[in-house]
Amino acid sequence: MKSIYCCIAYLILGNMFFQIVGCVNLQQRTILLEANALSCGVAPGVVDGNFDTTGEMYINAKLVKIGEQYYNTRQSRTLRTGKKYAELVVELDQPRHITHIEIHAMSKMTNVKIFVVKEKPKVGELLTFEPTRVRHTTHTIPAGSAAKFRLSEKVSLLKITAAPVKDTSQGTSRGRHRENRLGISIFELDIPLKGPAIREVKFYQAAEVNG
């Protein structure tokens, strides 16, 4: 009987310990990483610490709308050339344990995904981005809002991908018209794509506890 009481006491103490540790983790202090510890070759404005500057994610792709007409029959289809997603890579000055990041979107971002490189590869080695350990449920960020993505892992390079949007800044795209050997009239229209605009990407790491 005494051994049963001892087991119960150990279970209670163990549960209290895990609750205390859990509270410490939840209340862990974090600090914002300074802008001089981050760099982004494609869009430097997204990591400069200034909300007045913005940057666009990179993509080299376009939509090609193809229409075919043969007498009174018409058919159309849309093809995509190039990459499926726009991307943006941020490099840290050194490997750091990042607790979470915040993406402050300028335009709407959809199908957002985060990938990381923990250690920079040596010369001659392949650079491979891996999905984050934490599975994120946020995949859409409305324009003008921010979203937090928890990481809790070491990061040397971080890549953000998102679905591209139509580039209306270039105006109406010019189409091409031709006729093939079967007498079918073919019309092709190029629709340029661009990456979503981001106001700022903020990185947070765990604060060092002294004493």
C-alpha atoms as a PDB file:
ATOM      1  CA  MET A   1       0.000   0.000   0.000  1.00  0.00           C
ATOM      2  CA  LYS A   2       2.873   2.313   0.887  1.00  0.00           C
ATOM      3  CA  SER A   3       4.479   1.706  -2.525  1.00  0.00           C
ATOM      4  CA  ILE A   4       1.234   2.710  -4.248  1.00  0.00           C
ATOM      5  CA  TYR A   5       1.187   6.024  -2.365  1.00  0.00           C
ATOM      6  CA  CYS A   6       4.818   6.612  -3.323  1.00  0.00           C
ATOM      7  CA  CYS A   7       4.040   6.020  -7.017  1.00  0.00           C
ATOM      8  CA  ILE A   8       1.121   8.440  -6.857  1.00  0.00           C
ATOM      9  CA  ALA A   9       3.327  11.061  -5.201  1.00  0.00           C
ATOM     10  CA  TYR A  10       5.988  10.669  -7.910  1.00  0.00           C
ATOM     11  CA  LEU A  11       3.367  11.024 -10.647  1.00  0.00           C
ATOM     12  CA  ILE A  12       1.995  14.207  -9.067  1.00  0.00           C
ATOM     13  CA  LEU A  13       5.462  15.717  -8.685  1.00  0.00           C
ATOM     14  CA  GLY A  14       6.377  14.744 -12.254  1.00  0.00           C
ATOM     15  CA  ASN A  15       3.222  16.331 -13.617  1.00  0.00           C
ATOM     16  CA  MET A  16       3.932  19.536 -11.683  1.00  0.00           C
ATOM     17  CA  PHE A  17       7.479  19.600 -13.089  1.00  0.00           C
ATOM     18  CA  PHE A  18       6.306  19.290 -16.700  1.00  0.00           C
ATOM     19  CA  GLN A  19       3.678  21.981 -16.130  1.00  0.00           C
ATOM     20  CA  ILE A  20       6.354  24.328 -14.761  1.00  0.00           C
ATOM     21  CA  VAL A  21       8.697  23.607 -17.681  1.00  0.00           C
ATOM     22  CA  GLY A  22       5.820  24.114 -20.109  1.00  0.00           C
ATOM     23  CA  CYS A  23       5.014  27.489 -18.569  1.00  0.00           C
ATOM     24  CA  VAL A  24       8.658  28.535 -18.828  1.00  0.00           C
ATOM     25  CA  ASN A  25       8.731  27.600 -22.506  1.00  0.00           C
ATOM     26  CA  LEU A  26       5.500  29.434 -23.223  1.00  0.00           C
ATOM     27  CA  GLN A  27       6.750  32.525 -21.397  1.00  0.00           C
ATOM     28  CA  GLN A  28      10.221  32.402 -22.950  1.00  0.00           C
ATOM     29  CA  ARG A  29      11.457  35.887 -23.718  1.00  0.00           C
ATOM     30  CA  THR A  30      12.381  36.592 -27.315  1.00  0.00           C
ATOM     31  CA  ILE A  31      14.313  39.417 -28.896  1.00  0.00           C
ATOM     32  CA  LEU A  32      14.014  40.916 -32.353  1.00  0.00           C
ATOM     33  CA  LEU A  33      16.998  40.221 -34.579  1.00  0.00           C
ATOM     34  CA  GLU A  34      18.680  43.414 -35.752  1.00  0.00           C
ATOM     35  CA  ALA A  35      18.445  44.328 -39.432  1.00  0.00           C
ATOM     36  CA  ASN A  36      22.233  44.220 -39.847  1.00  0.00           C
ATOM     37  CA  ALA A  37      22.133  40.472 -39.105  1.00  0.00           C
ATOM     38  CA  LEU A  38      19.895  39.841 -42.144  1.00  0.00           C
ATOM     39  CA  SER A  39      20.331  40.197 -45.890  1.00  0.00           C
ATOM     40  CA  CYS A  40      18.178  39.564 -48.930  1.00  0.00           C
ATOM     41  CA  GLY A  41      19.646  39.961 -52.404  1.00  0.00           C
ATOM     42  CA  VAL A  42      16.317  39.932 -54.256  1.00  0.00           C
ATOM     43  CA  ALA A  43      14.498  42.416 -52.040  1.00  0.00           C
ATOM     44  CA  PRO A  44      16.738  44.179 -49.469  1.00  0.00           C
ATOM     45  CA  GLY A  45      13.825  46.352 -48.352  1.00  0.00           C
ATOM     46  CA  VAL A  46      12.050  43.470 -46.618  1.00  0.00           C
ATOM     47  CA  VAL A  47      14.764  43.076 -43.945  1.00  0.00           C
ATOM     48  CA  ASP A  48      15.982  46.650 -43.477  1.00  0.00           C
ATOM     49  CA  GLY A  49      13.777  47.280 -40.429  1.00  0.00           C
ATOM     50  CA  ASN A  50      11.897  50.057 -42.214  1.00  0.00           C
ATOM     51  CA  PHE A  51       8.165  49.618 -42.820  1.00  0.00           C
ATOM     52  CA  ASP A  52       8.230  52.394 -45.413  1.00  0.00           C
ATOM     53  CA  THR A  53      10.218  50.201 -47.812  1.00  0.00           C
ATOM     54  CA  THR A  54       8.883  47.097 -49.541  1.00  0.00           C
ATOM     55  CA  GLY A  55      10.117  44.340 -51.801  1.00  0.00           C
ATOM     56  CA  GLU A  56       8.683  41.807 -54.228  1.00  0.00           C
ATOM     57  CA  MET A  57       9.214  38.077 -54.184  1.00  0.00           C
ATOM     58  CA  TYR A  58      10.995  36.793 -57.282  1.00  0.00           C
ATOM     59  CA  ILE A  59       9.518  34.647 -60.026  1.00  0.00           C
ATOM     60  CA  ASN A  60      10.407  34.074 -63.656  1.00  0.00           C
ATOM     61  CA  ALA A  61       7.169  32.792 -65.129  1.00  0.00           C
ATOM     62  CA  LYS A  62       4.147  33.729 -67.181  1.00  0.00           C
ATOM     63  CA  LEU A  63       0.748  32.442 -68.210  1.00  0.00           C
ATOM     64  CA  VAL A  64       0.097  31.730 -71.866  1.00  0.00           C
ATOM     65  CA  LYS A  65      -3.547  31.741 -72.897  1.00  0.00           C
ATOM     66  CA  ILE A  66      -4.063  29.822 -76.140  1.00  0.00           C
ATOM     67  CA  GLY A  67      -7.238  30.068 -78.182  1.00  0.00           C
ATOM     68  CA  GLU A  68      -8.011  27.899 -81.204  1.00  0.00           C
ATOM     69  CA  GLN A  69     -10.770  28.436 -83.739  1.00  0.00           C
ATOM     70  CA  TYR A  70     -11.772  26.175 -86.592  1.00  0.00           C
ATOM     71  CA  TYR A  71     -14.897  27.363 -88.418  1.00  0.00           C
ATOM     72  CA  ASN A  72     -17.498  27.778 -85.632  1.00  0.00           C
ATOM     73  CA  THR A  73     -15.627  25.726 -83.034  1.00  0.00           C
ATOM     74  CA  ARG A  74     -13.606  27.555 -80.371  1.00  0.00           C
ATOM     75  CA  GLN A  75     -11.371  26.135 -77.665  1.00  0.00           C
ATOM     76  CA  SER A  76      -9.061  27.780 -75.169  1.00  0.00           C
ATOM     77  CA  ARG A  77      -6.575  26.694 -72.524  1.00  0.00           C
ATOM     78  CA  THR A  78      -4.056  28.352 -70.236  1.00  0.00           C
ATOM     79  CA  LEU A  79      -0.510  27.109 -69.720  1.00  0.00           C
ATOM     80  CA  ARG A  80       2.129  28.203 -67.221  1.00  0.00           C
ATOM     81  CA  THR A  81       5.783  28.523 -68.154  1.00  0.00           C
ATOM     82  CA  GLY A  82       8.557  28.823 -65.596  1.00  0.00           C
ATOM     83  CA  LYS A  83       8.361  28.258 -61.847  1.00  0.00           C
ATOM     84  CA  LYS A  84       5.116  27.584 -60.009  1.00  0.00           C
ATOM     85  CA  TYR A  85       5.872  29.763 -56.996  1.00  0.00           C
ATOM     86  CA  ALA A  86       7.445  33.112 -56.231  1.00  0.00           C
ATOM     87  CA  GLU A  87      10.242  32.958 -53.691  1.00  0.00           C
ATOM     88  CA  LEU A  88      12.381  35.092 -51.428  1.00  0.00           C
ATOM     89  CA  VAL A  89      15.522  34.002 -49.555  1.00  0.00           C
ATOM     90  CA  VAL A  90      16.838  35.684 -46.410  1.00  0.00           C
ATOM     91  CA  GLU A  91      20.383  34.965 -45.214  1.00  0.00           C
ATOM     92  CA  LEU A  92      21.428  35.294 -41.575  1.00  0.00           C
ATOM     93  CA  ASP A  93      24.898  36.494 -40.596  1.00  0.00           C
ATOM     94  CA  GLN A  94      25.429  33.255 -38.665  1.00  0.00           C
ATOM     95  CA  PRO A  95      23.383  30.196 -37.686  1.00  0.00           C
ATOM     96  CA  ARG A  96      20.870  31.259 -35.048  1.00  0.00           C
ATOM     97  CA  HIS A  97      18.100  29.527 -33.109  1.00  0.00           C
ATOM     98  CA  ILE A  98      15.020  31.306 -34.401  1.00  0.00           C
ATOM     99  CA  THR A  99      11.850  30.979 -32.342  1.00  0.00           C
ATOM    100  CA  HIS A 100       9.534  32.511 -34.948  1.00  0.00           C
ATOM    101  CA  ILE A 101       9.262  34.972 -37.823  1.00  0.00           C
ATOM    102  CA  GLU A 102       6.659  37.556 -38.761  1.00  0.00           C
ATOM    103  CA  ILE A 103       5.734  38.270 -42.380  1.00  0.00           C
ATOM    104  CA  HIS A 104       4.177  41.696 -42.884  1.00  0.00           C
ATOM    105  CA  ALA A 105       2.439  41.505 -46.254  1.00  0.00           C
ATOM    106  CA  MET A 106       1.923  44.503 -48.502  1.00  0.00           C
ATOM    107  CA  SER A 107      -0.262  42.582 -50.953  1.00  0.00           C
ATOM    108  CA  LYS A 108      -2.265  39.413 -50.416  1.00  0.00           C
ATOM    109  CA  MET A 109      -0.132  36.276 -50.121  1.00  0.00           C
ATOM    110  CA  THR A 110      -1.558  32.803 -50.737  1.00  0.00           C
ATOM    111  CA  ASN A 111      -0.141  29.305 -50.351  1.00  0.00           C
ATOM    112  CA  VAL A 112       2.674  30.619 -48.137  1.00  0.00           C
ATOM    113  CA  LYS A 113       5.313  28.062 -47.148  1.00  0.00           C
ATOM    114  CA  ILE A 114       8.553  28.310 -45.165  1.00  0.00           C
ATOM    115  CA  PHE A 115      11.779  26.374 -45.795  1.00  0.00           C
ATOM    116  CA  VAL A 116      15.117  26.541 -43.981  1.00  0.00           C
ATOM    117  CA  VAL A 117      18.778  25.619 -44.244  1.00  0.00           C
ATOM    118  CA  LYS A 118      20.266  24.963 -40.821  1.00  0.00           C
ATOM    119  CA  GLU A 119      23.926  25.011 -41.789  1.00  0.00           C
ATOM    120  CA  LYS A 120      25.358  26.630 -44.909  1.00  0.00           C
ATOM    121  CA  PRO A 121      26.863  23.977 -47.179  1.00  0.00           C
ATOM    122  CA  LYS A 122      30.571  23.860 -47.863  1.00  0.00           C
ATOM    123  CA  VAL A 123      31.964  24.836 -51.257  1.00  0.00           C
ATOM    124  CA  GLY A 124      30.892  22.260 -53.819  1.00  0.00           C
ATOM    125  CA  GLU A 125      28.008  20.922 -51.711  1.00  0.00           C
ATOM    126  CA  LEU A 126      24.388  21.227 -52.819  1.00  0.00           C
ATOM    127  CA  LEU A 127      22.221  23.846 -51.140  1.00  0.00           C
ATOM    128  CA  THR A 128      19.017  22.141 -50.030  1.00  0.00           C
ATOM    129  CA  PHE A 129      16.083  23.857 -48.330  1.00  0.00           C
ATOM    130  CA  GLU A 130      13.972  21.697 -46.040  1.00  0.00           C
ATOM    131  CA  PRO A 131      10.425  22.257 -44.709  1.00  0.00           C
ATOM    132  CA  THR A 132      10.270  23.589 -41.160  1.00  0.00           C
ATOM    133  CA  ARG A 133       9.809  21.128 -38.296  1.00  0.00           C
ATOM    134  CA  VAL A 134       6.659  22.929 -37.186  1.00  0.00           C
ATOM    135  CA  ARG A 135       3.686  22.398 -39.466  1.00  0.00           C
ATOM    136  CA  HIS A 136       2.014  25.743 -40.170  1.00  0.00           C
ATOM    137  CA  THR A 137      -1.710  26.212 -40.574  1.00  0.00           C
ATOM    138  CA  THR A 138      -1.506  29.766 -41.942  1.00  0.00           C
ATOM    139  CA  HIS A 139      -1.195  29.713 -45.721  1.00  0.00           C
ATOM    140  CA  THR A 140      -2.903  33.009 -46.619  1.00  0.00           C
ATOM    141  CA  ILE A 141      -1.921  36.474 -45.408  1.00  0.00           C
ATOM    142  CA  PRO A 142      -4.381  39.279 -46.283  1.00  0.00           C
ATOM    143  CA  ALA A 143      -2.976  42.473 -47.763  1.00  0.00           C
ATOM    144  CA  GLY A 144      -1.742  44.903 -45.132  1.00  0.00           C
ATOM    145  CA  SER A 145      -1.661  42.336 -42.319  1.00  0.00           C
ATOM    146  CA  ALA A 146       0.974  40.175 -40.637  1.00  0.00           C
ATOM    147  CA  ALA A 147       1.274  36.487 -39.786  1.00  0.00           C
ATOM    148  CA  LYS A 148       3.529  34.679 -37.312  1.00  0.00           C
ATOM    149  CA  PHE A 149       5.259  31.414 -38.235  1.00  0.00           C
ATOM    150  CA  ARG A 150       6.797  29.430 -35.382  1.00  0.00           C
ATOM    151  CA  LEU A 151      10.130  27.728 -36.115  1.00  0.00           C
ATOM    152  CA  SER A 152      12.037  26.840 -32.912  1.00  0.00           C
ATOM    153  CA  GLU A 153      15.099  25.628 -34.809  1.00  0.00           C
ATOM    154  CA  LYS A 154      18.510  26.683 -36.057  1.00  0.00           C
ATOM    155  CA  VAL A 155      18.422  28.771 -39.240  1.00  0.00           C
ATOM    156  CA  SER A 156      21.179  29.938 -41.587  1.00  0.00           C
ATOM    157  CA  LEU A 157      19.003  30.579 -44.642  1.00  0.00           C
ATOM    158  CA  LEU A 158      15.234  30.918 -44.839  1.00  0.00           C
ATOM    159  CA  LYS A 159      13.088  30.732 -47.961  1.00  0.00           C
ATOM    160  CA  ILE A 160       9.515  31.976 -48.285  1.00  0.00           C
ATOM    161  CA  THR A 161       7.410  30.766 -51.202  1.00  0.00           C
ATOM    162  CA  ALA A 162       3.965  31.939 -52.282  1.00  0.00           C
ATOM    163  CA  ALA A 163       1.659  31.806 -55.260  1.00  0.00           C
ATOM    164  CA  PRO A 164       2.397  34.472 -57.911  1.00  0.00           C
ATOM    165  CA  VAL A 165      -0.071  37.123 -59.037  1.00  0.00           C
ATOM    166  CA  LYS A 166      -0.813  38.667 -62.426  1.00  0.00           C
ATOM    167  CA  ASP A 167       1.417  41.634 -63.236  1.00  0.00           C
ATOM    168  CA  THR A 168      -0.989  44.382 -64.244  1.00  0.00           C
ATOM    169  CA  SER A 169       1.717  47.056 -64.201  1.00  0.00           C
ATOM    170  CA  GLN A 170       2.819  46.071 -67.708  1.00  0.00           C
ATOM    171  CA  GLY A 171      -0.594  46.825 -69.169  1.00  0.00           C
ATOM    172  CA  THR A 172      -2.375  44.624 -71.665  1.00  0.00           C
ATOM    173  CA  SER A 173      -0.120  41.961 -73.111  1.00  0.00           C
ATOM    174  CA  ARG A 174       0.173  41.757 -76.860  1.00  0.00           C
ATOM    175  CA  GLY A 175      -1.034  38.566 -78.452  1.00  0.00           C
ATOM    176  CA  ARG A 176       0.230  36.524 -81.374  1.00  0.00           C
ATOM    177  CA  HIS A 177      -1.939  35.191 -84.147  1.00  0.00           C
ATOM    178  CA  ARG A 178      -1.082  32.414 -86.563  1.00  0.00           C
ATOM    179  CA  GLU A 179      -2.678  29.685 -88.586  1.00  0.00           C
ATOM    180  CA  ASN A 180      -1.384  26.130 -88.728  1.00  0.00           C
ATOM    181  CA  ARG A 181      -1.300  23.744 -91.685  1.00  0.00           C
ATOM    182  CA  LEU A 182      -4.754  22.388 -90.854  1.00  0.00           C
ATOM    183  CA  GLY A 183      -6.313  25.803 -91.221  1.00  0.00           C
ATOM    184  CA  ILE A 184      -6.876  26.225 -87.496  1.00  0.00           C
ATOM    185  CA  SER A 185      -6.558  29.815 -86.317  1.00  0.00           C
ATOM    186  CA  ILE A 186      -4.423  30.037 -83.159  1.00  0.00           C
ATOM    187  CA  PHE A 187      -4.174  33.063 -80.888  1.00  0.00           C
ATOM    188  CA  GLU A 188      -1.643  33.229 -78.038  1.00  0.00           C
ATOM    189  CA  LEU A 189      -1.689  35.816 -75.244  1.00  0.00           C
ATOM    190  CA  ASP A 190       1.135  36.224 -72.709  1.00  0.00           C
ATOM    191  CA  ILE A 191       0.110  37.198 -69.181  1.00  0.00           C
ATOM    192  CA  PRO A 192       3.167  38.148 -67.051  1.00  0.00           C
ATOM    193  CA  LEU A 193       3.354  37.083 -63.415  1.00  0.00           C
ATOM    194  CA  LYS A 194       5.048  38.694 -60.433  1.00  0.00           C
ATOM    195  CA  GLY A 195       5.627  37.887 -56.785  1.00  0.00           C
ATOM    196  CA  PRO A 196       3.574  39.311 -53.898  1.00  0.00           C
ATOM    197  CA  ALA A 197       4.883  42.453 -52.210  1.00  0.00           C
ATOM    198  CA  ILE A 198       6.202  42.248 -48.650  1.00  0.00           C
ATOM    199  CA  ARG A 199       6.643  45.167 -46.285  1.00  0.00           C
ATOM    200  CA  GLU A 200       8.931  43.459 -43.763  1.00  0.00           C
ATOM    201  CA  VAL A 201      10.087  40.043 -42.510  1.00  0.00           C
ATOM    202  CA  LYS A 202      11.069  40.015 -38.828  1.00  0.00           C
ATOM    203  CA  PHE A 203      13.122  37.309 -37.117  1.00  0.00           C
ATOM    204  CA  TYR A 204      12.980  36.553 -33.380  1.00  0.00           C
ATOM    205  CA  GLN A 205      15.410  34.509 -31.318  1.00  0.00           C
ATOM    206  CA  ALA A 206      15.397  33.388 -27.704  1.00  0.00           C
ATOM    207  CA  ALA A 207      16.747  35.945 -25.242  1.00  0.00           C
ATOM    208  CA  GLU A 208      19.781  34.890 -23.216  1.00  0.00           C
ATOM    209  CA  VAL A 209      19.029  34.436 -19.547  1.00  0.00           C
ATOM    210  CA  ASN A 210      21.754  35.620 -17.149  1.00  0.00           C
ATOM    211  CA  GLY A 211      22.076  34.372 -13.615  1.00  0.00           C
END
